[in-house]
């Protein structure tokens, strides 16, 4: 039977234990190593997502260094996971022992993985569990074949394919160093046998720590079979130890995400300059143009066009809408709407079908109705605008009185003049007009023309009197002389 069919039959593990207690000194950061983010999740978050694919009965994260940060992160982003504390850095075997002291006896398969392997796939863990159960192993080691295995522990296999030994690079013979199959550091164990073997792990090594690899040797010594499952993609098994490796993993994960979207029918013009978080969704025939970042739970509808130069976070873009050179955060952009270039949609912005928010427009907590246009140089905050209205250039919705925010309401089919200010709370009725340069402080009835500006007064000759000798005064003098000399 093909492995792909066997994997689906794997049993539900008793637990997945994620090791996340290390110091991560090479990251050179005050942030816990496993909390550094890539593609919309922390490293630990990616590992937990892969682990959830197994549907384990318990999901346990071993915390230690900066454990307050990790525990807070778990409470916010992974409340289904429980934290087990490793007070001292006593090695991988000690970390698993701390987890089992918290969980108590576990019957069934126990998977152990690492919190700094963000490229790990759930399907790889499922295949590991399947191989473990199919072969009846007491322990199964996840392995991979490295192009250059220097520095890694080598997997020495017996004639039947089981694990004969795991030999560290420094202890390996020349023949063993020629082996390119290495121990990834992830395992599937029989829960009861694991607990017993951990009691017999010693600290008789250079670091004085309890190593999980010793459990494999102990189980083999007890006459149990130790197997190995080979992960096909060595890249996904790589851990992250510093920010150079973090950047490499981010690029690799982003490439994986982009490929999945493109194979699902999304057009990505330039993958090299496009970044998409793991939680982003898009329908077929959506187009993403160069220099675009899509974060959080952003969604692109069918035929939507985003970019170039866009950053969208937790934003919905409707079918056929276009967003160009814009920043949008927690916004809803309706079907066939148009945004940008150089627009900023802040949280609470909702655009109706075929609405337009144009160049140098900022919106916040604003409902903009179907077909309504806010073309340029305008701030719309705490406002509701009806359908098929037009907001003149350089308008400001004055929503803050220094203490509280207030809301403005503009009706449907309204035409507002350029350089208007709407001092909230104020309402402009359906079909009304406002004159350019007006400061609207009172409600405008439906169909009315509102004019709220001072009468213009011209002071003749002021420039020549008050600014003598200037270029403006000379130009005025010449113009006056030409006018006086005209027939």
Protein backbone atom coordinates (compact mmCIF):
# COMPACT_ATOMS: atom_id res chain seq x y z
CA UNK A 1 0.00 0.00 0.00
CA UNK A 2 1.37 3.49 -0.81
CA UNK A 3 2.72 5.42 2.14
CA UNK A 4 0.24 8.26 1.42
CA UNK A 5 -2.62 5.84 2.17
CA UNK A 6 -0.97 4.39 5.24
CA UNK A 7 -0.37 7.79 6.81
CA UNK A 8 -4.07 8.55 7.08
CA UNK A 9 -4.52 5.48 9.29
CA UNK A 10 -2.06 6.59 12.00
CA UNK A 11 -3.50 6.57 15.52
CA UNK A 12 -3.95 9.63 17.65
CA UNK A 13 -0.79 10.14 19.77
CA UNK A 14 -1.08 10.31 23.52
CA UNK A 15 1.00 13.48 23.47
CA UNK A 16 3.26 15.69 21.44
CA UNK A 17 6.05 17.21 23.54
CA UNK A 18 7.66 20.33 22.08
CA UNK A 19 11.08 21.25 23.48
CA UNK A 20 11.30 25.04 23.84
CA UNK A 21 13.41 25.63 26.94
CA UNK A 22 16.78 26.49 25.40
CA UNK A 23 18.59 29.79 25.85
CA UNK A 24 19.13 30.47 22.15
CA UNK A 25 22.19 32.60 22.88
CA UNK A 26 23.16 32.82 19.21
CA UNK A 27 19.98 34.78 18.46
CA UNK A 28 21.44 37.65 20.51
CA UNK A 29 17.99 38.87 21.51
CA UNK A 30 15.94 39.62 24.59
CA UNK A 31 13.09 37.76 22.92
CA UNK A 32 12.89 34.02 23.49
CA UNK A 33 14.40 32.15 20.56
CA UNK A 34 11.21 30.25 19.76
CA UNK A 35 9.10 33.43 19.72
CA UNK A 36 10.87 35.05 16.78
CA UNK A 37 8.34 35.39 13.98
CA UNK A 38 8.27 34.38 10.35
CA UNK A 39 5.36 34.49 7.94
CA UNK A 40 2.77 35.46 10.50
CA UNK A 41 3.61 33.04 13.32
CA UNK A 42 6.32 32.51 15.87
CA UNK A 43 8.70 29.61 15.29
CA UNK A 44 6.93 27.83 18.13
CA UNK A 45 3.57 28.62 16.55
CA UNK A 46 4.58 26.90 13.32
CA UNK A 47 5.72 23.80 15.22
CA UNK A 48 2.48 23.71 17.20
CA UNK A 49 0.47 24.00 13.98
CA UNK A 50 2.32 20.98 12.55
CA UNK A 51 1.83 19.10 15.81
CA UNK A 52 -1.92 19.74 15.79
CA UNK A 53 -2.15 17.84 12.52
CA UNK A 54 -1.65 14.71 14.64
CA UNK A 55 -4.64 15.62 16.85
CA UNK A 56 -2.72 14.57 19.99
CA UNK A 57 -4.58 14.01 23.22
CA UNK A 58 -2.16 16.40 24.91
CA UNK A 59 0.09 19.13 23.54
CA UNK A 60 2.92 19.94 25.96
CA UNK A 61 5.54 22.66 25.58
CA UNK A 62 8.64 22.44 27.77
CA UNK A 63 9.65 25.98 28.77
CA UNK A 64 12.71 27.21 30.59
CA UNK A 65 14.72 30.23 29.52
CA UNK A 66 12.48 33.33 29.38
CA UNK A 67 9.59 31.04 30.24
CA UNK A 68 7.34 33.94 31.23
CA UNK A 69 7.45 35.19 27.63
CA UNK A 70 6.72 31.75 26.23
CA UNK A 71 3.92 31.04 28.71
CA UNK A 72 2.27 34.38 27.89
CA UNK A 73 2.57 33.62 24.17
CA UNK A 74 0.94 30.21 24.68
CA UNK A 75 -1.91 31.72 26.69
CA UNK A 76 -2.66 34.19 23.90
CA UNK A 77 -2.02 32.12 20.78
CA UNK A 78 -2.13 28.45 21.82
CA UNK A 79 -4.41 27.96 24.82
CA UNK A 80 -4.72 24.27 23.90
CA UNK A 81 -1.05 23.76 24.82
CA UNK A 82 0.16 23.23 28.37
CA UNK A 83 3.54 24.39 29.66
CA UNK A 84 5.92 22.14 31.57
CA UNK A 85 8.80 23.92 33.30
CA UNK A 86 12.44 22.84 33.03
CA UNK A 87 14.06 24.82 35.83
CA UNK A 88 17.62 24.08 34.72
CA UNK A 89 19.14 23.29 31.35
CA UNK A 90 19.64 19.58 31.94
CA UNK A 91 19.54 18.30 28.35
CA UNK A 92 16.87 16.96 26.03
CA UNK A 93 16.27 13.82 28.08
CA UNK A 94 15.81 15.90 31.21
CA UNK A 95 13.36 18.20 29.38
CA UNK A 96 11.18 15.25 28.31
CA UNK A 97 11.35 13.84 31.83
CA UNK A 98 10.02 17.16 33.18
CA UNK A 99 7.14 16.97 30.72
CA UNK A 100 6.26 13.41 31.77
CA UNK A 101 6.36 14.37 35.44
CA UNK A 102 3.61 16.86 34.65
CA UNK A 103 1.52 14.65 32.38
CA UNK A 104 1.86 11.46 34.41
CA UNK A 105 1.75 8.04 32.76
CA UNK A 106 1.07 8.13 29.02
CA UNK A 107 -0.22 5.11 27.14
CA UNK A 108 0.37 5.10 23.42
CA UNK A 109 2.65 7.02 21.12
CA UNK A 110 4.52 10.07 22.40
CA UNK A 111 6.07 12.39 19.81
CA UNK A 112 8.97 14.65 20.75
CA UNK A 113 9.84 17.60 18.53
CA UNK A 114 11.64 20.94 18.78
CA UNK A 115 10.26 24.46 19.01
CA UNK A 116 12.89 25.95 16.70
CA UNK A 117 12.00 23.99 13.53
CA UNK A 118 9.45 26.29 11.84
CA UNK A 119 9.59 24.52 8.45
CA UNK A 120 8.39 21.21 9.87
CA UNK A 121 5.25 19.89 8.14
CA UNK A 122 2.41 18.08 9.85
CA UNK A 123 2.50 15.41 7.14
CA UNK A 124 6.08 14.59 8.10
CA UNK A 125 5.08 14.03 11.72
CA UNK A 126 2.14 11.89 10.61
CA UNK A 127 4.47 9.77 8.50
CA UNK A 128 6.80 9.39 11.49
CA UNK A 129 3.96 8.15 13.70
CA UNK A 130 2.74 5.81 10.98
CA UNK A 131 6.18 4.25 10.49
CA UNK A 132 6.58 3.92 14.26
CA UNK A 133 3.31 2.02 14.61
CA UNK A 134 3.61 -0.04 11.43
CA UNK A 135 7.03 -1.33 12.45
CA UNK A 136 6.09 -1.90 16.09
CA UNK A 137 9.03 0.18 17.31
CA UNK A 138 9.73 1.22 20.87
CA UNK A 139 11.40 4.30 19.43
CA UNK A 140 11.50 5.80 15.95
CA UNK A 141 13.99 8.49 15.02
CA UNK A 142 13.19 11.09 12.37
CA UNK A 143 16.11 11.31 9.99
CA UNK A 144 17.06 13.00 6.76
CA UNK A 145 19.85 12.86 4.23
CA UNK A 146 21.99 15.99 4.24
CA UNK A 147 24.07 17.17 1.30
CA UNK A 148 26.79 17.92 3.86
CA UNK A 149 26.36 16.06 7.15
CA UNK A 150 29.41 17.54 8.85
CA UNK A 151 28.77 18.09 12.55
CA UNK A 152 25.60 15.98 12.73
CA UNK A 153 25.02 12.66 14.46
CA UNK A 154 25.07 9.82 11.92
CA UNK A 155 22.44 7.11 11.73
CA UNK A 156 24.02 3.66 11.62
CA UNK A 157 21.47 1.12 10.47
CA UNK A 158 21.32 -2.65 10.98
CA UNK A 159 20.75 -5.07 8.11
CA UNK A 160 16.97 -5.01 8.69
CA UNK A 161 16.87 -1.20 8.49
CA UNK A 162 16.50 -0.65 12.22
CA UNK A 163 18.76 1.73 14.13
CA UNK A 164 22.00 0.14 15.24
CA UNK A 165 23.47 3.33 16.68
CA UNK A 166 23.47 7.11 16.58
CA UNK A 167 27.09 8.23 16.40
CA UNK A 168 28.12 11.84 16.98
CA UNK A 169 30.35 13.34 14.30
CA UNK A 170 33.35 13.71 16.60
CA UNK A 171 33.11 10.04 17.60
CA UNK A 172 32.45 8.65 14.11
CA UNK A 173 34.88 6.62 12.08
CA UNK A 174 35.79 7.62 8.55
CA UNK A 175 33.33 5.02 7.26
CA UNK A 176 30.57 6.35 9.49
CA UNK A 177 31.29 9.94 8.48
CA UNK A 178 30.62 8.93 4.89
CA UNK A 179 26.98 8.32 5.94
CA UNK A 180 24.82 11.32 5.08
CA UNK A 181 21.69 10.20 6.97
CA UNK A 182 21.53 12.23 10.16
CA UNK A 183 19.43 12.40 13.32
CA UNK A 184 17.01 15.32 13.10
CA UNK A 185 16.35 15.31 16.84
CA UNK A 186 12.67 14.35 16.69
CA UNK A 187 11.21 11.06 17.81
CA UNK A 188 8.18 8.85 18.31
CA UNK A 189 8.23 6.67 21.44
CA UNK A 190 6.11 4.10 23.17
CA UNK A 191 4.95 6.21 26.12
CA UNK A 192 5.38 3.61 28.86
CA UNK A 193 8.79 2.46 27.63
CA UNK A 194 9.95 6.08 27.29
CA UNK A 195 9.10 6.87 30.91
CA UNK A 196 10.98 3.80 32.14
CA UNK A 197 14.06 4.45 30.01
CA UNK A 198 14.29 8.11 31.06
CA UNK A 199 14.81 6.97 34.65
CA UNK A 200 18.00 5.19 33.55
CA UNK A 201 19.55 7.98 31.48
CA UNK A 202 22.83 9.11 33.05
CA UNK A 203 24.78 12.35 32.88
CA UNK A 204 28.04 10.60 32.11
CA UNK A 205 29.06 12.89 29.25
CA UNK A 206 31.08 16.04 28.64
CA UNK A 207 28.16 18.39 29.38
CA UNK A 208 26.77 16.44 32.30
CA UNK A 209 23.31 16.40 30.71
CA UNK A 210 20.62 13.81 30.08
CA UNK A 211 20.43 13.10 26.34
CA UNK A 212 17.31 11.81 24.62
CA UNK A 213 19.50 9.86 22.19
CA UNK A 214 20.53 7.68 25.15
CA UNK A 215 16.90 6.53 25.45
CA UNK A 216 17.18 4.94 22.02
CA UNK A 217 20.28 3.02 23.09
CA UNK A 218 18.65 1.93 26.36
CA UNK A 219 15.56 0.62 24.58
CA UNK A 220 17.70 -1.29 22.11
CA UNK A 221 19.66 -2.73 25.01
CA UNK A 222 16.39 -3.95 26.50
CA UNK A 223 15.74 -5.87 23.30
CA UNK A 224 13.22 -3.45 21.79
CA UNK A 225 13.32 -2.36 18.18
CA UNK A 226 14.42 1.19 17.35
CA UNK A 227 13.51 2.35 13.87
CA UNK A 228 14.10 5.38 11.72
CA UNK A 229 11.86 7.28 9.35
CA UNK A 230 13.55 9.23 6.56
CA UNK A 231 12.11 12.69 5.85
CA UNK A 232 12.30 13.31 2.13
CA UNK A 233 12.96 17.07 2.36
CA UNK A 234 16.03 17.84 4.42
CA UNK A 235 15.27 21.58 4.32
CA UNK A 236 12.15 21.28 6.49
CA UNK A 237 14.11 19.47 9.20
CA UNK A 238 16.55 22.31 9.78
CA UNK A 239 16.46 24.21 13.05
CA UNK A 240 17.02 27.96 13.50
CA UNK A 241 19.86 29.03 15.76
CA UNK A 242 20.60 32.62 14.73
CA UNK A 243 19.06 35.46 12.76
CA UNK A 244 20.83 34.48 9.56
CA UNK A 245 19.15 31.08 9.70
CA UNK A 246 15.88 32.78 10.68
CA UNK A 247 16.00 34.89 7.51
CA UNK A 248 16.79 31.79 5.44
CA UNK A 249 13.87 29.91 7.00
CA UNK A 250 11.58 32.88 6.40
CA UNK A 251 12.46 32.91 2.71
CA UNK A 252 12.01 29.13 2.42
CA UNK A 253 8.67 29.20 4.19
CA UNK A 254 7.49 32.17 2.13
CA UNK A 255 8.44 30.35 -1.07
CA UNK A 256 6.38 27.37 0.09
CA UNK A 257 3.37 29.59 0.80
CA UNK A 258 3.66 31.38 -2.55
CA UNK A 259 3.90 28.11 -4.43
CA UNK A 260 0.74 26.81 -2.75
CA UNK A 261 -1.17 29.97 -3.73
CA UNK A 262 0.06 29.87 -7.32
CA UNK A 263 -0.87 26.21 -7.70
CA UNK A 264 -4.33 27.13 -6.41
CA UNK A 265 -4.80 29.67 -9.21
CA UNK A 266 -3.43 32.91 -7.74
CA UNK A 267 -1.18 34.99 -10.00
CA UNK A 268 1.95 36.25 -8.25
CA UNK A 269 3.87 38.46 -10.64
CA UNK A 270 7.18 38.55 -8.76
CA UNK A 271 7.59 35.94 -6.01
CA UNK A 272 10.99 37.37 -5.07
CA UNK A 273 9.43 40.63 -3.82
CA UNK A 274 6.16 39.22 -2.45
CA UNK A 275 5.64 38.18 1.17
CA UNK A 276 2.53 36.35 2.34
CA UNK A 277 1.73 35.16 5.86
CA UNK A 278 0.58 31.62 6.47
CA UNK A 279 -2.91 32.76 7.49
CA UNK A 280 -3.64 34.65 4.25
CA UNK A 281 -6.24 33.21 1.87
CA UNK A 282 -6.96 34.04 -1.77
CA UNK A 283 -9.41 32.89 -4.41
CA UNK A 284 -8.40 31.89 -7.90
CA UNK A 285 -7.46 34.59 -10.40
CA UNK A 286 -6.49 37.01 -7.66
CA UNK A 287 -3.37 38.93 -8.73
CA UNK A 288 -0.53 40.01 -6.47
CA UNK A 289 1.90 42.50 -7.97
CA UNK A 290 5.53 43.22 -6.97
CA UNK A 291 6.51 44.68 -3.62
CA UNK A 292 3.41 43.48 -1.80
CA UNK A 293 3.09 42.14 1.75
CA UNK A 294 -0.05 40.33 2.92
CA UNK A 295 -0.26 39.78 6.66
CA UNK A 296 -2.51 38.17 9.24
CA UNK A 297 -5.88 36.92 7.99
CA UNK A 298 -6.02 39.00 4.84
CA UNK A 299 -8.26 37.56 2.11
CA UNK A 300 -8.27 38.34 -1.62
CA UNK A 301 -11.46 37.64 -3.53
CA UNK A 302 -11.60 36.22 -7.03
CA UNK A 303 -10.06 38.56 -9.58
CA UNK A 304 -8.85 41.05 -6.96
CA UNK A 305 -5.68 42.92 -7.90
CA UNK A 306 -3.29 44.01 -5.16
CA UNK A 307 -0.06 45.91 -5.67
CA UNK A 308 2.45 46.99 -6.57
CA UNK A 309 3.71 48.34 -3.28
CA UNK A 310 0.91 47.29 -0.92
CA UNK A 311 0.94 46.22 2.71
CA UNK A 312 -2.36 44.65 3.82
CA UNK A 313 -2.99 43.34 7.34
CA UNK A 314 -6.18 41.51 8.35
CA UNK A 315 -7.91 43.07 5.36
CA UNK A 316 -10.58 41.67 3.04
CA UNK A 317 -10.44 42.60 -0.64
CA UNK A 318 -13.62 41.87 -2.61
CA UNK A 319 -13.96 40.29 -6.03
CA UNK A 320 -12.52 42.41 -8.80
CA UNK A 321 -11.31 45.16 -6.47
CA UNK A 322 -8.00 46.94 -7.12
CA UNK A 323 -5.55 48.15 -4.46
CA UNK A 324 -2.41 50.01 -5.56
CA UNK A 325 0.43 51.41 -3.42
CA UNK A 326 -1.68 51.34 -0.26
CA UNK A 327 -1.48 50.40 3.39
CA UNK A 328 -4.64 48.76 4.73
CA UNK A 329 -5.18 47.50 8.28
CA UNK A 330 -8.34 45.68 9.38
CA UNK A 331 -10.27 47.10 6.45
CA UNK A 332 -13.05 45.71 4.26
CA UNK A 333 -12.79 46.59 0.58
CA UNK A 334 -15.92 45.77 -1.38
CA UNK A 335 -16.20 44.12 -4.80
CA UNK A 336 -14.90 46.22 -7.71
CA UNK A 337 -13.77 48.97 -5.33
CA UNK A 338 -10.61 50.97 -6.00
CA UNK A 339 -7.96 52.00 -3.48
CA UNK A 340 -4.86 54.13 -4.07
CA UNK A 341 -2.32 54.94 -5.09
CA UNK A 342 -0.86 56.13 -1.79
CA UNK A 343 -3.92 55.56 0.38
CA UNK A 344 -4.04 54.53 4.04
CA UNK A 345 -7.06 52.53 5.22
CA UNK A 346 -7.02 52.22 9.00
CA UNK A 347 -9.08 49.85 11.18
CA UNK A 348 -12.83 50.01 10.80
CA UNK A 349 -12.80 51.18 7.19
CA UNK A 350 -15.50 49.58 5.02
CA UNK A 351 -15.83 50.33 1.31
CA UNK A 352 -18.95 49.38 -0.61
CA UNK A 353 -19.10 47.98 -4.11
CA UNK A 354 -17.34 50.19 -6.69
CA UNK A 355 -16.35 52.73 -4.03
CA UNK A 356 -13.13 54.67 -4.56
CA UNK A 357 -10.50 55.87 -2.11
CA UNK A 358 -7.83 57.67 -4.07
CA UNK A 359 -4.45 59.34 -3.80
CA UNK A 360 -3.29 60.55 -0.38
CA UNK A 361 -6.55 59.67 1.33
CA UNK A 362 -6.63 58.37 4.89
CA UNK A 363 -9.68 56.70 6.41
CA UNK A 364 -10.48 55.36 9.86
CA UNK A 365 -13.66 53.84 11.27
CA UNK A 366 -15.45 54.94 8.11
CA UNK A 367 -18.32 53.39 6.14
CA UNK A 368 -18.13 54.49 2.51
CA UNK A 369 -21.11 53.42 0.42
CA UNK A 370 -21.46 51.86 -2.99
CA UNK A 371 -20.13 53.96 -5.84
CA UNK A 372 -18.98 56.76 -3.53
CA UNK A 373 -15.68 58.47 -4.38
CA UNK A 374 -13.11 60.04 -2.08
CA UNK A 375 -10.58 60.79 -4.80
CA UNK A 376 -7.67 62.65 -3.20
CA UNK A 377 -6.01 64.55 -0.35
CA UNK A 378 -8.67 63.84 2.25
CA UNK A 379 -9.07 62.48 5.80
CA UNK A 380 -12.27 60.58 6.60
CA UNK A 381 -12.47 59.56 10.24
CA UNK A 382 -15.47 58.33 12.23
CA UNK A 383 -17.85 58.89 9.35
CA UNK A 384 -20.64 57.31 7.35
CA UNK A 385 -21.00 58.25 3.68
CA UNK A 386 -23.93 57.00 1.64
CA UNK A 387 -24.06 55.78 -1.95
CA UNK A 388 -22.78 57.57 -5.08
CA UNK A 389 -21.55 60.65 -3.26
CA UNK A 390 -18.38 62.57 -4.11
CA UNK A 391 -16.08 64.10 -1.51
CA UNK A 392 -14.08 67.07 -2.82
CA UNK A 393 -10.30 67.25 -2.66
CA UNK A 394 -8.54 68.37 0.53
CA UNK A 395 -11.51 67.67 2.80
CA UNK A 396 -11.17 66.86 6.49
CA UNK A 397 -13.67 65.13 8.73
CA UNK A 398 -12.93 66.84 12.04
CA UNK A 399 -13.82 64.04 14.42
CA UNK A 400 -11.97 64.95 17.63
CA UNK A 401 -12.86 67.82 19.95
CA UNK A 402 -9.84 67.33 22.18
CA UNK A 403 -11.68 65.03 24.56
CA UNK A 404 -14.02 62.77 22.58
CA UNK A 405 -14.45 61.42 19.07
CA UNK A 406 -17.66 62.29 17.18
CA UNK A 407 -19.22 60.91 14.01
CA UNK A 408 -20.27 62.63 10.79
CA UNK A 409 -22.93 61.39 8.39
CA UNK A 410 -22.94 62.28 4.70
CA UNK A 411 -25.97 61.11 2.71
CA UNK A 412 -26.26 59.56 -0.73
CA UNK A 413 -25.71 61.47 -4.00
CA UNK A 414 -24.02 64.30 -2.11
CA UNK A 415 -21.47 66.59 -3.78
CA UNK A 416 -19.09 68.27 -1.37
CA UNK A 417 -16.75 71.04 -2.47
CA UNK A 418 -12.98 71.04 -2.27
CA UNK A 419 -11.29 72.12 0.96
CA UNK A 420 -14.29 71.38 3.17
CA UNK A 421 -14.16 70.67 6.86
CA UNK A 422 -16.96 68.68 8.49
CA UNK A 423 -16.88 69.42 12.20
CA UNK A 424 -18.50 66.42 13.88
CA UNK A 425 -21.12 65.67 14.89
CA UNK A 426 -22.76 66.88 11.70
CA UNK A 427 -25.11 65.48 9.06
CA UNK A 428 -25.33 66.36 5.36
CA UNK A 429 -28.60 65.17 3.83
CA UNK A 430 -29.15 63.23 0.62
CA UNK A 431 -28.54 65.13 -2.60
CA UNK A 432 -27.04 68.16 -0.84
CA UNK A 433 -24.10 70.25 -2.08
CA UNK A 434 -21.46 72.12 -0.09
CA UNK A 435 -19.43 75.02 -1.45
CA UNK A 436 -15.66 74.89 -1.80
CA UNK A 437 -13.75 76.20 1.20
CA UNK A 438 -16.67 75.71 3.60
CA UNK A 439 -16.42 74.73 7.26
CA UNK A 440 -19.60 72.77 7.93
CA UNK A 441 -20.60 73.01 11.59
CA UNK A 442 -24.38 72.65 11.23
CA UNK A 443 -26.55 70.00 9.63
CA UNK A 444 -27.29 70.48 5.94
CA UNK A 445 -30.84 69.56 4.81
CA UNK A 446 -31.37 67.20 1.91
CA UNK A 447 -31.01 68.98 -1.42
CA UNK A 448 -29.61 72.18 0.09
CA UNK A 449 -26.46 74.08 -0.87
CA UNK A 450 -24.33 74.86 2.19
CA UNK A 451 -22.00 77.85 1.99
CA UNK A 452 -19.90 78.42 5.09
CA UNK A 453 -17.10 80.85 4.26
CA UNK A 454 -16.33 84.56 4.76
CA UNK A 455 -17.09 87.06 2.01
CA UNK A 456 -13.99 87.86 -0.05
CA UNK A 457 -12.52 91.37 0.35
CA UNK A 458 -9.78 92.72 -1.98
CA UNK A 459 -7.45 95.44 -0.60
CA UNK A 460 -6.24 97.27 -3.70
CA UNK A 461 -2.52 98.23 -3.90
CA UNK A 462 -1.59 96.39 -0.70
CA UNK A 463 1.49 94.62 -2.15
CA UNK A 464 3.10 97.76 -3.56
CA UNK A 465 2.53 99.61 -0.28
CA UNK A 466 3.48 96.85 2.14
CA UNK A 467 6.11 94.95 0.13
CA UNK A 468 7.94 97.62 -1.87
CA UNK A 469 11.00 96.46 -3.79
CA UNK A 470 9.90 92.82 -3.98
CA UNK A 471 9.47 90.88 -7.19
CA UNK A 472 5.75 90.66 -6.42
CA UNK A 473 5.48 94.42 -6.07
CA UNK A 474 7.33 94.96 -9.35
CA UNK A 475 5.09 92.44 -11.16
CA UNK A 476 2.01 94.17 -9.77
CA UNK A 477 3.32 97.57 -10.89
CA UNK A 478 3.91 96.33 -14.42
CA UNK A 479 0.49 94.70 -14.62
CA UNK A 480 -1.20 97.90 -13.35
CA UNK A 481 0.73 99.98 -15.86
CA UNK A 482 -0.36 97.68 -18.69
CA UNK A 483 -3.97 97.87 -17.57
CA UNK A 484 -3.86 101.69 -17.34
CA UNK A 485 -2.22 101.93 -20.76
CA UNK A 486 -4.74 99.68 -22.42
CA UNK A 487 -7.12 101.47 -24.80
